[in-house]
Amino acid sequence: MLAALPCGWWFAARWRRAPQPAVLLATRYVAAGQPLKAIQVTQMAARANPDAPGLLDALGMAYMASGDSVNALASYKRLVN
């Protein structure tokens, strides 16, 4: 079982310069069948790093895993633009 989801300003501040841990955590949540937690993780990290390609990709992946193709497409569009 994955640890409880970190939240709030502490989470965003911790990954302000290194979004990679959030991407890894989101990937593990998706693999564990918990795409909504993956979406929460990537959204919080994306607030601190709005143009981080890894986060946008992970967010798109999480949206696809949750069945939300509209938001997945929007995330991938931000990634390529």
Protein backbone atom coordinates (compact mmCIF):
# COMPACT_ATOMS: atom_id res chain seq x y z
CA MET A 1 0.00 0.00 0.00
CA LEU A 2 1.24 3.47 -0.81
CA ALA A 3 1.82 6.05 1.88
CA ALA A 4 -0.71 8.77 2.53
CA LEU A 5 -0.79 11.55 -0.03
CA PRO A 6 1.26 14.60 0.99
CA CYS A 7 -0.63 17.82 0.62
CA GLY A 8 -0.55 21.57 0.87
CA TRP A 9 2.21 24.13 0.57
CA TRP A 10 4.84 21.78 2.02
CA PHE A 11 4.36 19.36 -0.86
CA ALA A 12 4.57 22.09 -3.50
CA ALA A 13 7.61 23.69 -1.86
CA ARG A 14 9.46 20.40 -1.57
CA TRP A 15 9.19 19.66 -5.28
CA ARG A 16 9.46 23.21 -6.54
CA ARG A 17 12.81 22.55 -8.20
CA ALA A 18 12.66 18.78 -8.68
CA PRO A 19 9.34 17.50 -10.03
CA GLN A 20 10.77 14.02 -10.65
CA PRO A 21 9.65 12.56 -7.27
CA ALA A 22 6.07 13.63 -8.01
CA VAL A 23 6.26 11.98 -11.43
CA LEU A 24 7.51 8.75 -9.90
CA LEU A 25 4.84 8.82 -7.20
CA ALA A 26 2.11 9.49 -9.77
CA THR A 27 3.37 6.61 -11.91
CA ARG A 28 3.22 4.27 -8.93
CA TYR A 29 -0.31 5.40 -8.06
CA VAL A 30 -1.44 4.69 -11.63
CA ALA A 31 0.25 1.28 -11.55
CA ALA A 32 -1.49 0.55 -8.24
CA GLY A 33 -4.86 1.38 -9.79
CA GLN A 34 -5.25 4.72 -8.00
CA PRO A 35 -5.30 7.30 -10.80
CA LEU A 36 -7.19 9.90 -8.76
CA LYS A 37 -4.33 10.06 -6.27
CA ALA A 38 -1.91 10.35 -9.19
CA ILE A 39 -3.93 13.30 -10.49
CA GLN A 40 -3.77 14.98 -7.07
CA VAL A 41 -0.01 14.51 -6.83
CA THR A 42 0.70 15.88 -10.30
CA GLN A 43 -1.71 18.80 -9.92
CA MET A 44 -0.05 19.89 -6.67
CA ALA A 45 3.44 19.58 -8.12
CA ALA A 46 2.35 21.36 -11.31
CA ARG A 47 1.35 24.41 -9.28
CA ALA A 48 5.02 24.89 -8.45
CA ASN A 49 6.26 23.74 -11.90
CA PRO A 50 3.51 24.60 -14.39
CA ASP A 51 5.62 23.88 -17.49
CA ALA A 52 7.55 20.81 -16.34
CA PRO A 53 7.27 18.31 -19.20
CA GLY A 54 7.48 15.25 -16.95
CA LEU A 55 4.61 16.50 -14.81
CA LEU A 56 2.42 17.28 -17.80
CA ASP A 57 3.08 13.84 -19.21
CA ALA A 58 2.33 12.17 -15.86
CA LEU A 59 -0.83 14.24 -15.51
CA GLY A 60 -1.99 13.17 -18.95
CA MET A 61 -1.24 9.55 -18.10
CA ALA A 62 -3.19 9.81 -14.84
CA TYR A 63 -6.17 11.40 -16.57
CA MET A 64 -6.16 8.64 -19.20
CA ALA A 65 -5.99 5.97 -16.50
CA SER A 66 -9.00 7.55 -14.78
CA GLY A 67 -10.95 7.64 -18.06
CA ASP A 68 -10.88 11.43 -18.41
CA SER A 69 -9.75 11.78 -22.01
CA VAL A 70 -10.72 15.46 -22.25
CA ASN A 71 -8.33 16.56 -19.49
CA ALA A 72 -5.70 14.08 -20.70
CA LEU A 73 -5.77 15.69 -24.13
CA ALA A 74 -5.55 19.17 -22.59
CA SER A 75 -2.51 18.10 -20.56
CA TYR A 76 -0.78 16.63 -23.60
CA LYS A 77 -1.55 19.76 -25.63
CA ARG A 78 0.15 21.88 -22.96
CA LEU A 79 3.09 19.50 -23.16
CA VAL A 80 3.66 20.01 -26.89
CA ASN A 81 2.91 23.75 -26.97
